Amino acid sequence: GQGAGHRNRGAALGFTAVRVEPAREAMAHANRSAPVLLLFGPPGSGKNFVGEFLATHIGFTFFDADAWLPEDLQASLARGEGFTQEQRDRYYAEVASRISEIASRLQGEARIVVAQAVIKNRHRRLLLDACPCVRLCWVRSTEEDRRRRLCAGNNLVNARLGAHMASEFEEPDHEHLTFSNSDRTDADTMRELLERLVSQLYD
């Protein structure tokens, strides 16, 4: 996430769509009235900042999926190490389970946003398949902004590991929204642009 000292944020948004299988379209339509927004992107992109802004200013309920990391994955991060394939597979199965439970419990009562890096396409597709209510949003930032946020020390990932994870990040090959987050625009603009993003969830 972005440190509390970063008060000004700039943003722009867009939409990228690829072909969705008919069965997925039907499931997505059934859940469109109550989508779960999942923010993804490399460490330092500002996913938690965006999620917390949505909670504070636009009435969402925010969940940081890093809070669901098993102990062995937390230990890997503490050592400055990335995750193995087995760790990622196990973790994202847990994330899918948590999102499904939250959606079942809160849909109709709250608008939900979740933040997690999800650097691989296969795990984003796993979440889409397991949780048809999920709408993915790629939070984008410049390398300079990401590095500055990570160096501030307000993230589970240090700058070295963050750079490594960014190099492994796979640009999405699936349907997604895009939100570009920088450190250089005021909160009023941030709110306006996020409200426009949210409106796309309900199109």
Protein backbone atom coordinates (compact mmCIF):
# COMPACT_ATOMS: atom_id res chain seq x y z
CA GLY A 1 0.00 0.00 0.00
CA GLN A 2 0.90 3.66 -0.12
CA GLY A 3 2.18 5.35 3.00
CA ALA A 4 -0.06 7.65 4.99
CA GLY A 5 2.23 10.56 4.18
CA HIS A 6 1.23 10.48 0.51
CA ARG A 7 -1.78 12.81 0.53
CA ASN A 8 -2.05 13.67 -3.15
CA ARG A 9 -2.89 11.04 -5.71
CA GLY A 10 -3.49 11.29 -9.44
CA ALA A 11 -5.48 8.77 -11.41
CA ALA A 12 -6.94 7.95 -14.77
CA LEU A 13 -9.08 5.02 -15.69
CA GLY A 14 -9.96 2.92 -18.66
CA PHE A 15 -11.51 -0.40 -19.58
CA THR A 16 -9.97 -3.33 -21.38
CA ALA A 17 -12.14 -6.23 -22.50
CA VAL A 18 -11.34 -9.56 -24.10
CA ARG A 19 -13.75 -12.28 -25.18
CA VAL A 20 -15.55 -13.90 -22.27
CA GLU A 21 -16.91 -17.42 -22.57
CA PRO A 22 -20.75 -17.50 -22.75
CA ALA A 23 -21.11 -19.45 -19.49
CA ARG A 24 -18.94 -16.86 -17.72
CA GLU A 25 -21.07 -14.07 -19.18
CA ALA A 26 -24.22 -15.63 -17.78
CA MET A 27 -22.69 -16.02 -14.33
CA ALA A 28 -21.32 -12.49 -14.40
CA HIS A 29 -24.73 -11.12 -15.38
CA ALA A 30 -26.33 -12.94 -12.46
CA ASN A 31 -23.89 -11.26 -10.06
CA ARG A 32 -23.71 -7.84 -11.69
CA SER A 33 -25.95 -6.21 -9.13
CA ALA A 34 -23.38 -6.88 -6.41
CA PRO A 35 -19.86 -7.19 -7.88
CA VAL A 36 -16.75 -7.63 -5.76
CA LEU A 37 -13.99 -5.29 -6.97
CA LEU A 38 -10.55 -6.92 -6.75
CA LEU A 39 -7.59 -4.54 -7.10
CA PHE A 40 -4.40 -6.16 -8.45
CA GLY A 41 -0.97 -4.96 -9.50
CA PRO A 42 2.71 -5.11 -8.48
CA PRO A 43 3.76 -4.17 -4.94
CA GLY A 44 3.75 -0.42 -4.39
CA SER A 45 1.04 0.28 -6.97
CA GLY A 46 -1.22 1.72 -4.27
CA LYS A 47 -3.86 -1.03 -4.16
CA ASN A 48 -4.43 -0.65 -0.43
CA PHE A 49 -4.54 3.13 -0.73
CA VAL A 50 -7.20 2.88 -3.43
CA GLY A 51 -9.15 0.30 -1.43
CA GLU A 52 -9.00 2.41 1.72
CA PHE A 53 -10.02 5.52 -0.25
CA LEU A 54 -13.05 3.65 -1.62
CA ALA A 55 -13.95 2.62 1.94
CA THR A 56 -13.49 6.06 3.48
CA HIS A 57 -14.99 8.26 0.75
CA ILE A 58 -17.29 6.07 -1.37
CA GLY A 59 -18.77 3.65 1.13
CA PHE A 60 -17.06 0.36 0.25
CA THR A 61 -16.05 -2.34 2.71
CA PHE A 62 -12.32 -2.99 2.18
CA PHE A 63 -10.36 -6.22 2.69
CA ASP A 64 -6.56 -6.45 2.37
CA ALA A 65 -6.01 -10.04 1.21
CA ASP A 66 -2.46 -9.94 2.61
CA ALA A 67 -4.17 -10.45 5.97
CA TRP A 68 -5.06 -13.96 4.74
CA LEU A 69 -1.44 -14.97 4.05
CA PRO A 70 -0.56 -18.30 5.73
CA GLU A 71 2.33 -18.27 8.19
CA ASP A 72 4.82 -19.83 5.78
CA LEU A 73 4.13 -17.15 3.16
CA GLN A 74 4.47 -14.41 5.78
CA ALA A 75 7.82 -15.94 6.75
CA SER A 76 8.97 -15.90 3.10
CA LEU A 77 8.19 -12.18 2.84
CA ALA A 78 9.94 -11.47 6.14
CA ARG A 79 13.07 -13.08 4.67
CA GLY A 80 12.71 -10.99 1.51
CA GLU A 81 11.83 -14.05 -0.56
CA GLY A 82 9.11 -14.61 -3.13
CA PHE A 83 6.60 -17.47 -3.11
CA THR A 84 6.93 -20.90 -4.65
CA GLN A 85 4.36 -22.11 -7.17
CA GLU A 86 2.86 -24.41 -4.55
CA GLN A 87 2.56 -21.54 -2.07
CA ARG A 88 0.84 -19.31 -4.61
CA ASP A 89 -1.60 -22.03 -5.68
CA ARG A 90 -2.51 -22.77 -2.08
CA TYR A 91 -2.84 -19.12 -1.15
CA TYR A 92 -5.08 -18.13 -4.06
CA ALA A 93 -7.36 -21.08 -3.38
CA GLU A 94 -7.72 -19.60 0.12
CA VAL A 95 -8.32 -16.10 -1.30
CA ALA A 96 -11.07 -17.49 -3.54
CA SER A 97 -12.66 -19.20 -0.55
CA ARG A 98 -12.52 -16.02 1.54
CA ILE A 99 -14.00 -13.86 -1.23
CA SER A 100 -16.82 -16.34 -1.78
CA GLU A 101 -17.60 -16.36 1.94
CA ILE A 102 -17.51 -12.55 2.19
CA ALA A 103 -19.66 -12.13 -0.91
CA SER A 104 -22.21 -14.61 0.40
CA ARG A 105 -22.32 -12.87 3.78
CA LEU A 106 -22.26 -9.21 2.69
CA GLN A 107 -23.66 -8.95 -0.83
CA GLY A 108 -26.76 -6.83 -0.79
CA GLU A 109 -25.56 -5.11 2.39
CA ALA A 110 -22.19 -3.66 1.37
CA ARG A 111 -20.08 -2.83 -1.67
CA ILE A 112 -16.91 -4.91 -1.39
CA VAL A 113 -13.34 -4.20 -2.51
CA VAL A 114 -10.35 -6.54 -2.04
CA ALA A 115 -6.66 -5.79 -2.70
CA GLN A 116 -3.98 -8.33 -3.63
CA ALA A 117 -1.06 -8.29 -6.08
CA VAL A 118 -2.10 -11.45 -8.04
CA ILE A 119 0.88 -11.13 -10.38
CA LYS A 120 0.05 -14.19 -12.53
CA ASN A 121 -2.79 -14.50 -15.03
CA ARG A 122 -3.49 -18.10 -14.01
CA HIS A 123 -4.35 -17.02 -10.48
CA ARG A 124 -6.56 -14.16 -11.66
CA ARG A 125 -8.42 -16.63 -13.84
CA LEU A 126 -8.69 -18.99 -10.87
CA LEU A 127 -10.38 -16.20 -8.90
CA LEU A 128 -12.70 -15.35 -11.79
CA ASP A 129 -13.70 -19.00 -12.19
CA ALA A 130 -14.21 -19.59 -8.47
CA CYS A 131 -15.93 -16.24 -7.79
CA PRO A 132 -18.06 -15.09 -10.75
CA CYS A 133 -19.00 -11.94 -8.84
CA VAL A 134 -15.38 -10.67 -9.02
CA ARG A 135 -14.49 -7.76 -11.28
CA LEU A 136 -10.74 -7.25 -11.65
CA CYS A 137 -9.10 -3.83 -11.70
CA TRP A 138 -5.42 -3.35 -12.54
CA VAL A 139 -3.99 -0.55 -10.38
CA ARG A 140 -1.12 0.93 -12.37
CA SER A 141 1.68 3.22 -11.19
CA THR A 142 5.03 4.32 -12.53
CA GLU A 143 8.12 2.40 -11.50
CA GLU A 144 9.38 5.55 -9.76
CA ASP A 145 6.24 5.87 -7.63
CA ARG A 146 6.22 2.15 -6.76
CA ARG A 147 9.88 2.22 -5.72
CA ARG A 148 9.39 5.34 -3.58
CA ARG A 149 6.41 3.81 -1.76
CA LEU A 150 8.25 0.55 -1.11
CA CYS A 151 11.34 2.36 0.14
CA ALA A 152 9.12 4.21 2.64
CA GLY A 153 8.74 0.86 4.40
CA ASN A 154 4.93 0.77 4.68
CA ASN A 155 4.57 -2.51 2.81
CA LEU A 156 5.04 -6.23 3.53
CA VAL A 157 7.39 -6.31 0.53
CA ASN A 158 10.75 -4.53 0.51
CA ALA A 159 12.03 -2.58 -2.50
CA ARG A 160 14.28 -5.38 -3.77
CA LEU A 161 11.58 -8.04 -3.64
CA GLY A 162 9.03 -5.57 -5.01
CA ALA A 163 11.22 -4.97 -8.06
CA HIS A 164 11.56 -8.73 -8.56
CA MET A 165 7.80 -9.25 -8.31
CA ALA A 166 7.20 -6.39 -10.74
CA SER A 167 9.51 -8.12 -13.24
CA GLU A 168 7.37 -11.28 -12.90
CA PHE A 169 4.06 -9.42 -13.19
CA GLU A 170 2.00 -10.62 -16.17
CA GLU A 171 -0.06 -8.04 -18.01
CA PRO A 172 -3.67 -9.23 -18.00
CA ASP A 173 -5.01 -11.38 -20.82
CA HIS A 174 -8.53 -11.31 -19.35
CA GLU A 175 -11.33 -8.81 -18.89
CA HIS A 176 -10.39 -6.04 -16.45
CA LEU A 177 -10.76 -2.41 -15.50
CA THR A 178 -7.68 -0.17 -15.27
CA PHE A 179 -6.95 2.58 -12.75
CA SER A 180 -3.72 4.61 -13.01
CA ASN A 181 -2.61 5.84 -9.60
CA SER A 182 0.13 8.42 -9.11
CA ASP A 183 1.28 10.62 -6.24
CA ARG A 184 0.42 13.90 -7.93
CA THR A 185 -3.31 14.67 -7.88
CA ASP A 186 -5.53 15.96 -5.11
CA ALA A 187 -8.11 13.92 -3.20
CA ASP A 188 -11.09 15.57 -4.93
CA THR A 189 -9.85 14.40 -8.33
CA MET A 190 -9.13 10.96 -6.91
CA ARG A 191 -12.69 10.71 -5.64
CA GLU A 192 -14.17 11.85 -8.95
CA LEU A 193 -12.18 9.32 -10.94
CA LEU A 194 -12.90 6.48 -8.53
CA GLU A 195 -16.61 7.27 -8.70
CA ARG A 196 -16.35 6.93 -12.47
CA LEU A 197 -14.56 3.60 -12.01
CA VAL A 198 -17.26 2.37 -9.65
CA SER A 199 -19.97 3.35 -12.13
CA GLN A 200 -18.44 0.88 -14.61
CA LEU A 201 -19.00 -1.95 -12.15
CA TYR A 202 -22.74 -1.49 -12.51
CA ASP A 203 -22.95 -0.99 -16.29
